[in-house]
Amino acid sequence: MGGSAYAMVQQVAEGFMLVTERSFKRLGRAELDKLGFELEKVMRETRGDLPPADDLQAIQKRNRKIQRLNTCRMMLRTYRQRRRV
């Protein structure tokens, strides 16, 4: 993977790394499992972190992070179904 699954997920969440199906090709079954686990964990952490209702920029930042994580999770699920991994 070239680093930890947690670091990869953090990069995706912050928008530093764009994920495509090619991103998953170099990963083995165990690494894909770790990545899926870390995606779920960071998604729960992000959803649990509620900014104040009057801080619109923080709300938008949180929503963008959730959207990036959810997109990555859906792409990972689709990749695994197609490759039967």
PDB file of N, CA and C in Angstrom:
ATOM      1  N   MET A   1       0.826  -1.181   0.000  1.00  0.00           N
ATOM      2  CA  MET A   1       0.000   0.000   0.000  1.00  0.00           C
ATOM      3  C   MET A   1       0.872   1.247   0.000  1.00  0.00           C
ATOM      4  N   GLY A   2       2.088   1.122   0.483  1.00  0.00           N
ATOM      5  CA  GLY A   2       2.966   2.273   0.500  1.00  0.00           C
ATOM      6  C   GLY A   2       2.752   3.159   1.705  1.00  0.00           C
ATOM      7  N   GLY A   3       2.051   2.684   2.691  1.00  0.00           N
ATOM      8  CA  GLY A   3       1.723   3.437   3.892  1.00  0.00           C
ATOM      9  C   GLY A   3       0.565   2.751   4.574  1.00  0.00           C
ATOM     10  N   SER A   4       0.083   3.352   5.611  1.00  0.00           N
ATOM     11  CA  SER A   4      -1.012   2.717   6.334  1.00  0.00           C
ATOM     12  C   SER A   4      -2.351   3.005   5.655  1.00  0.00           C
ATOM     13  N   ALA A   5      -3.295   2.124   5.880  1.00  0.00           N
ATOM     14  CA  ALA A   5      -4.636   2.308   5.335  1.00  0.00           C
ATOM     15  C   ALA A   5      -5.267   3.560   5.941  1.00  0.00           C
ATOM     16  N   TYR A   6      -4.988   3.797   7.220  1.00  0.00           N
ATOM     17  CA  TYR A   6      -5.536   4.980   7.891  1.00  0.00           C
ATOM     18  C   TYR A   6      -5.030   6.259   7.225  1.00  0.00           C
ATOM     19  N   ALA A   7      -3.738   6.298   6.882  1.00  0.00           N
ATOM     20  CA  ALA A   7      -3.169   7.483   6.231  1.00  0.00           C
ATOM     21  C   ALA A   7      -3.800   7.700   4.855  1.00  0.00           C
ATOM     22  N   MET A   8      -4.029   6.612   4.136  1.00  0.00           N
ATOM     23  CA  MET A   8      -4.657   6.721   2.816  1.00  0.00           C
ATOM     24  C   MET A   8      -6.065   7.270   2.935  1.00  0.00           C
ATOM     25  N   VAL A   9      -6.812   6.776   3.907  1.00  0.00           N
ATOM     26  CA  VAL A   9      -8.181   7.237   4.116  1.00  0.00           C
ATOM     27  C   VAL A   9      -8.197   8.710   4.527  1.00  0.00           C
ATOM     28  N   GLN A  10      -7.253   9.109   5.366  1.00  0.00           N
ATOM     29  CA  GLN A  10      -7.172  10.517   5.765  1.00  0.00           C
ATOM     30  C   GLN A  10      -6.878  11.401   4.552  1.00  0.00           C
ATOM     31  N   GLN A  11      -6.005  10.949   3.664  1.00  0.00           N
ATOM     32  CA  GLN A  11      -5.700  11.719   2.463  1.00  0.00           C
ATOM     33  C   GLN A  11      -6.917  11.845   1.559  1.00  0.00           C
ATOM     34  N   VAL A  12      -7.678  10.774   1.456  1.00  0.00           N
ATOM     35  CA  VAL A  12      -8.908  10.812   0.664  1.00  0.00           C
ATOM     36  C   VAL A  12      -9.895  11.780   1.304  1.00  0.00           C
ATOM     37  N   ALA A  13     -10.059  11.688   2.611  1.00  0.00           N
ATOM     38  CA  ALA A  13     -11.025  12.531   3.321  1.00  0.00           C
ATOM     39  C   ALA A  13     -10.695  14.011   3.190  1.00  0.00           C
ATOM     40  N   GLU A  14      -9.417  14.343   3.223  1.00  0.00           N
ATOM     41  CA  GLU A  14      -9.003  15.742   3.133  1.00  0.00           C
ATOM     42  C   GLU A  14      -8.923  16.242   1.691  1.00  0.00           C
ATOM     43  N   GLY A  15      -9.064  15.346   0.719  1.00  0.00           N
ATOM     44  CA  GLY A  15      -9.047  15.737  -0.681  1.00  0.00           C
ATOM     45  C   GLY A  15      -7.667  15.768  -1.299  1.00  0.00           C
ATOM     46  N   PHE A  16      -6.658  15.239  -0.620  1.00  0.00           N
ATOM     47  CA  PHE A  16      -5.302  15.215  -1.155  1.00  0.00           C
ATOM     48  C   PHE A  16      -5.097  14.078  -2.143  1.00  0.00           C
ATOM     49  N   MET A  17      -5.940  13.073  -2.067  1.00  0.00           N
ATOM     50  CA  MET A  17      -5.819  11.907  -2.948  1.00  0.00           C
ATOM     51  C   MET A  17      -7.160  11.652  -3.618  1.00  0.00           C
ATOM     52  N   LEU A  18      -7.140  11.554  -4.929  1.00  0.00           N
ATOM     53  CA  LEU A  18      -8.343  11.211  -5.671  1.00  0.00           C
ATOM     54  C   LEU A  18      -8.328   9.715  -5.930  1.00  0.00           C
ATOM     55  N   VAL A  19      -9.428   9.070  -5.674  1.00  0.00           N
ATOM     56  CA  VAL A  19      -9.498   7.612  -5.779  1.00  0.00           C
ATOM     57  C   VAL A  19     -10.219   7.221  -7.060  1.00  0.00           C
ATOM     58  N   THR A  20      -9.607   6.284  -7.766  1.00  0.00           N
ATOM     59  CA  THR A  20     -10.234   5.658  -8.925  1.00  0.00           C
ATOM     60  C   THR A  20     -10.098   4.143  -8.744  1.00  0.00           C
ATOM     61  N   GLU A  21     -10.685   3.388  -9.642  1.00  0.00           N
ATOM     62  CA  GLU A  21     -10.549   1.933  -9.537  1.00  0.00           C
ATOM     63  C   GLU A  21      -9.093   1.513  -9.699  1.00  0.00           C
ATOM     64  N   ARG A  22      -8.317   2.274 -10.428  1.00  0.00           N
ATOM     65  CA  ARG A  22      -6.902   1.952 -10.591  1.00  0.00           C
ATOM     66  C   ARG A  22      -6.154   2.051  -9.268  1.00  0.00           C
ATOM     67  N   SER A  23      -6.660   2.873  -8.363  1.00  0.00           N
ATOM     68  CA  SER A  23      -6.028   3.003  -7.051  1.00  0.00           C
ATOM     69  C   SER A  23      -6.065   1.686  -6.284  1.00  0.00           C
ATOM     70  N   PHE A  24      -7.058   0.861  -6.565  1.00  0.00           N
ATOM     71  CA  PHE A  24      -7.236  -0.392  -5.836  1.00  0.00           C
ATOM     72  C   PHE A  24      -6.501  -1.566  -6.480  1.00  0.00           C
ATOM     73  N   LYS A  25      -6.087  -1.435  -7.734  1.00  0.00           N
ATOM     74  CA  LYS A  25      -5.491  -2.565  -8.453  1.00  0.00           C
ATOM     75  C   LYS A  25      -4.231  -3.083  -7.792  1.00  0.00           C
ATOM     76  N   ARG A  26      -3.460  -2.213  -7.193  1.00  0.00           N
ATOM     77  CA  ARG A  26      -2.185  -2.638  -6.598  1.00  0.00           C
ATOM     78  C   ARG A  26      -2.356  -3.220  -5.201  1.00  0.00           C
ATOM     79  N   LEU A  27      -3.564  -3.210  -4.689  1.00  0.00           N
ATOM     80  CA  LEU A  27      -3.818  -3.684  -3.334  1.00  0.00           C
ATOM     81  C   LEU A  27      -4.301  -5.130  -3.348  1.00  0.00           C
ATOM     82  N   GLY A  28      -3.851  -5.894  -2.373  1.00  0.00           N
ATOM     83  CA  GLY A  28      -4.303  -7.271  -2.217  1.00  0.00           C
ATOM     84  C   GLY A  28      -5.573  -7.339  -1.388  1.00  0.00           C
ATOM     85  N   ARG A  29      -6.058  -8.548  -1.214  1.00  0.00           N
ATOM     86  CA  ARG A  29      -7.308  -8.750  -0.478  1.00  0.00           C
ATOM     87  C   ARG A  29      -7.219  -8.226   0.951  1.00  0.00           C
ATOM     88  N   ALA A  30      -6.130  -8.521   1.649  1.00  0.00           N
ATOM     89  CA  ALA A  30      -5.980  -8.075   3.037  1.00  0.00           C
ATOM     90  C   ALA A  30      -5.914  -6.552   3.123  1.00  0.00           C
ATOM     91  N   GLU A  31      -5.218  -5.944   2.173  1.00  0.00           N
ATOM     92  CA  GLU A  31      -5.117  -4.483   2.180  1.00  0.00           C
ATOM     93  C   GLU A  31      -6.457  -3.831   1.875  1.00  0.00           C
ATOM     94  N   LEU A  32      -7.239  -4.449   0.988  1.00  0.00           N
ATOM     95  CA  LEU A  32      -8.577  -3.931   0.692  1.00  0.00           C
ATOM     96  C   LEU A  32      -9.477  -4.040   1.924  1.00  0.00           C
ATOM     97  N   ASP A  33      -9.329  -5.139   2.671  1.00  0.00           N
ATOM     98  CA  ASP A  33     -10.095  -5.295   3.911  1.00  0.00           C
ATOM     99  C   ASP A  33      -9.732  -4.200   4.913  1.00  0.00           C
ATOM    100  N   LYS A  34      -8.429  -3.939   5.065  1.00  0.00           N
ATOM    101  CA  LYS A  34      -7.976  -2.887   5.988  1.00  0.00           C
ATOM    102  C   LYS A  34      -8.500  -1.528   5.550  1.00  0.00           C
ATOM    103  N   LEU A  35      -8.446  -1.272   4.250  1.00  0.00           N
ATOM    104  CA  LEU A  35      -8.917   0.004   3.726  1.00  0.00           C
ATOM    105  C   LEU A  35     -10.410   0.179   3.994  1.00  0.00           C
ATOM    106  N   GLY A  36     -11.191  -0.877   3.767  1.00  0.00           N
ATOM    107  CA  GLY A  36     -12.624  -0.814   4.045  1.00  0.00           C
ATOM    108  C   GLY A  36     -12.912  -0.566   5.509  1.00  0.00           C
ATOM    109  N   PHE A  37     -12.152  -1.235   6.383  1.00  0.00           N
ATOM    110  CA  PHE A  37     -12.319  -1.045   7.825  1.00  0.00           C
ATOM    111  C   PHE A  37     -12.015   0.391   8.220  1.00  0.00           C
ATOM    112  N   GLU A  38     -10.904   0.928   7.717  1.00  0.00           N
ATOM    113  CA  GLU A  38     -10.514   2.297   8.059  1.00  0.00           C
ATOM    114  C   GLU A  38     -11.488   3.320   7.481  1.00  0.00           C
ATOM    115  N   LEU A  39     -12.020   3.040   6.302  1.00  0.00           N
ATOM    116  CA  LEU A  39     -13.031   3.938   5.726  1.00  0.00           C
ATOM    117  C   LEU A  39     -14.239   4.040   6.644  1.00  0.00           C
ATOM    118  N   GLU A  40     -14.719   2.899   7.106  1.00  0.00           N
ATOM    119  CA  GLU A  40     -15.876   2.894   8.003  1.00  0.00           C
ATOM    120  C   GLU A  40     -15.565   3.626   9.306  1.00  0.00           C
ATOM    121  N   LYS A  41     -14.371   3.403   9.848  1.00  0.00           N
ATOM    122  CA  LYS A  41     -13.987   4.022  11.108  1.00  0.00           C
ATOM    123  C   LYS A  41     -13.916   5.545  10.983  1.00  0.00           C
ATOM    124  N   VAL A  42     -13.259   6.024   9.936  1.00  0.00           N
ATOM    125  CA  VAL A  42     -13.128   7.472   9.748  1.00  0.00           C
ATOM    126  C   VAL A  42     -14.490   8.085   9.425  1.00  0.00           C
ATOM    127  N   MET A  43     -15.331   7.351   8.711  1.00  0.00           N
ATOM    128  CA  MET A  43     -16.675   7.845   8.407  1.00  0.00           C
ATOM    129  C   MET A  43     -17.468   8.036   9.700  1.00  0.00           C
ATOM    130  N   ARG A  44     -17.380   7.069  10.622  1.00  0.00           N
ATOM    131  CA  ARG A  44     -18.074   7.202  11.906  1.00  0.00           C
ATOM    132  C   ARG A  44     -17.543   8.386  12.704  1.00  0.00           C
ATOM    133  N   GLU A  45     -16.213   8.542  12.715  1.00  0.00           N
ATOM    134  CA  GLU A  45     -15.600   9.664  13.438  1.00  0.00           C
ATOM    135  C   GLU A  45     -16.066  10.995  12.869  1.00  0.00           C
ATOM    136  N   THR A  46     -16.112  11.087  11.553  1.00  0.00           N
ATOM    137  CA  THR A  46     -16.501  12.331  10.892  1.00  0.00           C
ATOM    138  C   THR A  46     -17.968  12.643  11.145  1.00  0.00           C
ATOM    139  N   ARG A  47     -18.811  11.644  11.069  1.00  0.00           N
ATOM    140  CA  ARG A  47     -20.234  11.873  11.332  1.00  0.00           C
ATOM    141  C   ARG A  47     -20.488  12.255  12.784  1.00  0.00           C
ATOM    142  N   GLY A  48     -19.677  11.747  13.684  1.00  0.00           N
ATOM    143  CA  GLY A  48     -19.845  12.054  15.108  1.00  0.00           C
ATOM    144  C   GLY A  48     -19.343  13.427  15.493  1.00  0.00           C
ATOM    145  N   ASP A  49     -18.520  14.031  14.645  1.00  0.00           N
ATOM    146  CA  ASP A  49     -17.952  15.346  14.923  1.00  0.00           C
ATOM    147  C   ASP A  49     -18.885  16.420  14.373  1.00  0.00           C
ATOM    148  N   LEU A  50     -19.730  16.989  15.224  1.00  0.00           N
ATOM    149  CA  LEU A  50     -20.716  17.973  14.786  1.00  0.00           C
ATOM    150  C   LEU A  50     -20.218  19.388  15.058  1.00  0.00           C
ATOM    151  N   PRO A  51     -20.062  20.178  14.001  1.00  0.00           N
ATOM    152  CA  PRO A  51     -19.672  21.574  14.201  1.00  0.00           C
ATOM    153  C   PRO A  51     -20.879  22.391  14.682  1.00  0.00           C
ATOM    154  N   PRO A  52     -20.637  23.582  15.207  1.00  0.00           N
ATOM    155  CA  PRO A  52     -21.756  24.439  15.629  1.00  0.00           C
ATOM    156  C   PRO A  52     -22.692  24.748  14.453  1.00  0.00           C
ATOM    157  N   ALA A  53     -23.944  24.894  14.734  1.00  0.00           N
ATOM    158  CA  ALA A  53     -24.949  25.106  13.690  1.00  0.00           C
ATOM    159  C   ALA A  53     -24.749  26.418  12.939  1.00  0.00           C
ATOM    160  N   ASP A  54     -24.114  27.394  13.552  1.00  0.00           N
ATOM    161  CA  ASP A  54     -23.932  28.688  12.885  1.00  0.00           C
ATOM    162  C   ASP A  54     -22.611  28.788  12.120  1.00  0.00           C
ATOM    163  N   ASP A  55     -21.780  27.753  12.142  1.00  0.00           N
ATOM    164  CA  ASP A  55     -20.504  27.747  11.438  1.00  0.00           C
ATOM    165  C   ASP A  55     -20.664  27.026  10.098  1.00  0.00           C
ATOM    166  N   LEU A  56     -21.080  27.778   9.087  1.00  0.00           N
ATOM    167  CA  LEU A  56     -21.393  27.183   7.790  1.00  0.00           C
ATOM    168  C   LEU A  56     -20.170  26.584   7.101  1.00  0.00           C
ATOM    169  N   GLN A  57     -19.018  27.228   7.229  1.00  0.00           N
ATOM    170  CA  GLN A  57     -17.822  26.686   6.589  1.00  0.00           C
ATOM    171  C   GLN A  57     -17.426  25.341   7.181  1.00  0.00           C
ATOM    172  N   ALA A  58     -17.537  25.198   8.487  1.00  0.00           N
ATOM    173  CA  ALA A  58     -17.212  23.922   9.127  1.00  0.00           C
ATOM    174  C   ALA A  58     -18.206  22.837   8.716  1.00  0.00           C
ATOM    175  N   ILE A  59     -19.463  23.202   8.582  1.00  0.00           N
ATOM    176  CA  ILE A  59     -20.484  22.240   8.150  1.00  0.00           C
ATOM    177  C   ILE A  59     -20.198  21.791   6.719  1.00  0.00           C
ATOM    178  N   GLN A  60     -19.866  22.740   5.848  1.00  0.00           N
ATOM    179  CA  GLN A  60     -19.557  22.400   4.462  1.00  0.00           C
ATOM    180  C   GLN A  60     -18.318  21.517   4.373  1.00  0.00           C
ATOM    181  N   LYS A  61     -17.304  21.831   5.165  1.00  0.00           N
ATOM    182  CA  LYS A  61     -16.080  21.032   5.178  1.00  0.00           C
ATOM    183  C   LYS A  61     -16.374  19.603   5.616  1.00  0.00           C
ATOM    184  N   ARG A  62     -17.174  19.462   6.658  1.00  0.00           N
ATOM    185  CA  ARG A  62     -17.558  18.139   7.158  1.00  0.00           C
ATOM    186  C   ARG A  62     -18.336  17.370   6.099  1.00  0.00           C
ATOM    187  N   ASN A  63     -19.281  18.039   5.431  1.00  0.00           N
ATOM    188  CA  ASN A  63     -20.088  17.377   4.406  1.00  0.00           C
ATOM    189  C   ASN A  63     -19.248  16.955   3.204  1.00  0.00           C
ATOM    190  N   ARG A  64     -18.274  17.780   2.813  1.00  0.00           N
ATOM    191  CA  ARG A  64     -17.389  17.398   1.710  1.00  0.00           C
ATOM    192  C   ARG A  64     -16.555  16.181   2.087  1.00  0.00           C
ATOM    193  N   LYS A  65     -16.091  16.148   3.315  1.00  0.00           N
ATOM    194  CA  LYS A  65     -15.292  15.015   3.790  1.00  0.00           C
ATOM    195  C   LYS A  65     -16.132  13.733   3.771  1.00  0.00           C
ATOM    196  N   ILE A  66     -17.352  13.820   4.257  1.00  0.00           N
ATOM    197  CA  ILE A  66     -18.256  12.663   4.248  1.00  0.00           C
ATOM    198  C   ILE A  66     -18.527  12.218   2.825  1.00  0.00           C
ATOM    199  N   GLN A  67     -18.722  13.175   1.924  1.00  0.00           N
ATOM    200  CA  GLN A  67     -18.993  12.832   0.529  1.00  0.00           C
ATOM    201  C   GLN A  67     -17.800  12.112  -0.101  1.00  0.00           C
ATOM    202  N   ARG A  68     -16.592  12.596   0.144  1.00  0.00           N
ATOM    203  CA  ARG A  68     -15.401  11.946  -0.415  1.00  0.00           C
ATOM    204  C   ARG A  68     -15.243  10.535   0.142  1.00  0.00           C
ATOM    205  N   LEU A  69     -15.461  10.375   1.435  1.00  0.00           N
ATOM    206  CA  LEU A  69     -15.332   9.049   2.054  1.00  0.00           C
ATOM    207  C   LEU A  69     -16.390   8.090   1.519  1.00  0.00           C
ATOM    208  N   ASN A  70     -17.609   8.576   1.374  1.00  0.00           N
ATOM    209  CA  ASN A  70     -18.691   7.731   0.880  1.00  0.00           C
ATOM    210  C   ASN A  70     -18.440   7.321  -0.568  1.00  0.00           C
ATOM    211  N   THR A  71     -17.940   8.239  -1.379  1.00  0.00           N
ATOM    212  CA  THR A  71     -17.625   7.917  -2.764  1.00  0.00           C
ATOM    213  C   THR A  71     -16.538   6.854  -2.833  1.00  0.00           C
ATOM    214  N   CYS A  72     -15.511   6.996  -2.011  1.00  0.00           N
ATOM    215  CA  CYS A  72     -14.438   6.007  -1.968  1.00  0.00           C
ATOM    216  C   CYS A  72     -14.977   4.651  -1.526  1.00  0.00           C
ATOM    217  N   ARG A  73     -15.845   4.654  -0.535  1.00  0.00           N
ATOM    218  CA  ARG A  73     -16.425   3.402  -0.040  1.00  0.00           C
ATOM    219  C   ARG A  73     -17.237   2.709  -1.132  1.00  0.00           C
ATOM    220  N   MET A  74     -18.027   3.496  -1.880  1.00  0.00           N
ATOM    221  CA  MET A  74     -18.831   2.925  -2.955  1.00  0.00           C
ATOM    222  C   MET A  74     -17.947   2.382  -4.082  1.00  0.00           C
ATOM    223  N   MET A  75     -16.872   3.105  -4.407  1.00  0.00           N
ATOM    224  CA  MET A  75     -15.963   2.636  -5.450  1.00  0.00           C
ATOM    225  C   MET A  75     -15.263   1.349  -5.024  1.00  0.00           C
ATOM    226  N   LEU A  76     -14.873   1.276  -3.753  1.00  0.00           N
ATOM    227  CA  LEU A  76     -14.236   0.069  -3.241  1.00  0.00           C
ATOM    228  C   LEU A  76     -15.201  -1.108  -3.302  1.00  0.00           C
ATOM    229  N   ARG A  77     -16.424  -0.893  -2.902  1.00  0.00           N
ATOM    230  CA  ARG A  77     -17.429  -1.963  -2.947  1.00  0.00           C
ATOM    231  C   ARG A  77     -17.656  -2.436  -4.381  1.00  0.00           C
ATOM    232  N   THR A  78     -17.765  -1.507  -5.327  1.00  0.00           N
ATOM    233  CA  THR A  78     -17.968  -1.857  -6.734  1.00  0.00           C
ATOM    234  C   THR A  78     -16.772  -2.615  -7.283  1.00  0.00           C
ATOM    235  N   TYR A  79     -15.577  -2.145  -6.939  1.00  0.00           N
ATOM    236  CA  TYR A  79     -14.351  -2.817  -7.395  1.00  0.00           C
ATOM    237  C   TYR A  79     -14.305  -4.260  -6.888  1.00  0.00           C
ATOM    238  N   ARG A  80     -14.628  -4.442  -5.627  1.00  0.00           N
ATOM    239  CA  ARG A  80     -14.581  -5.794  -5.049  1.00  0.00           C
ATOM    240  C   ARG A  80     -15.634  -6.706  -5.671  1.00  0.00           C
ATOM    241  N   GLN A  81     -16.807  -6.160  -6.014  1.00  0.00           N
ATOM    242  CA  GLN A  81     -17.836  -6.980  -6.630  1.00  0.00           C
ATOM    243  C   GLN A  81     -17.427  -7.383  -8.037  1.00  0.00           C
ATOM    244  N   ARG A  82     -16.845  -6.457  -8.780  1.00  0.00           N
ATOM    245  CA  ARG A  82     -16.428  -6.772 -10.146  1.00  0.00           C
ATOM    246  C   ARG A  82     -15.283  -7.772 -10.173  1.00  0.00           C
ATOM    247  N   ARG A  83     -14.325  -7.622  -9.284  1.00  0.00           N
ATOM    248  CA  ARG A  83     -13.146  -8.492  -9.256  1.00  0.00           C
ATOM    249  C   ARG A  83     -13.361  -9.731  -8.389  1.00  0.00           C
ATOM    250  N   ARG A  84     -14.488  -9.758  -7.689  1.00  0.00           N
ATOM    251  CA  ARG A  84     -14.798 -10.847  -6.762  1.00  0.00           C
ATOM    252  C   ARG A  84     -13.670 -11.057  -5.755  1.00  0.00           C
ATOM    253  N   VAL A  85     -13.247  -9.947  -5.183  1.00  0.00           N
ATOM    254  CA  VAL A  85     -12.162  -9.974  -4.182  1.00  0.00           C
ATOM    255  C   VAL A  85     -12.759  -9.835  -2.801  1.00  0.00           C
TER     256      VAL A  85
END
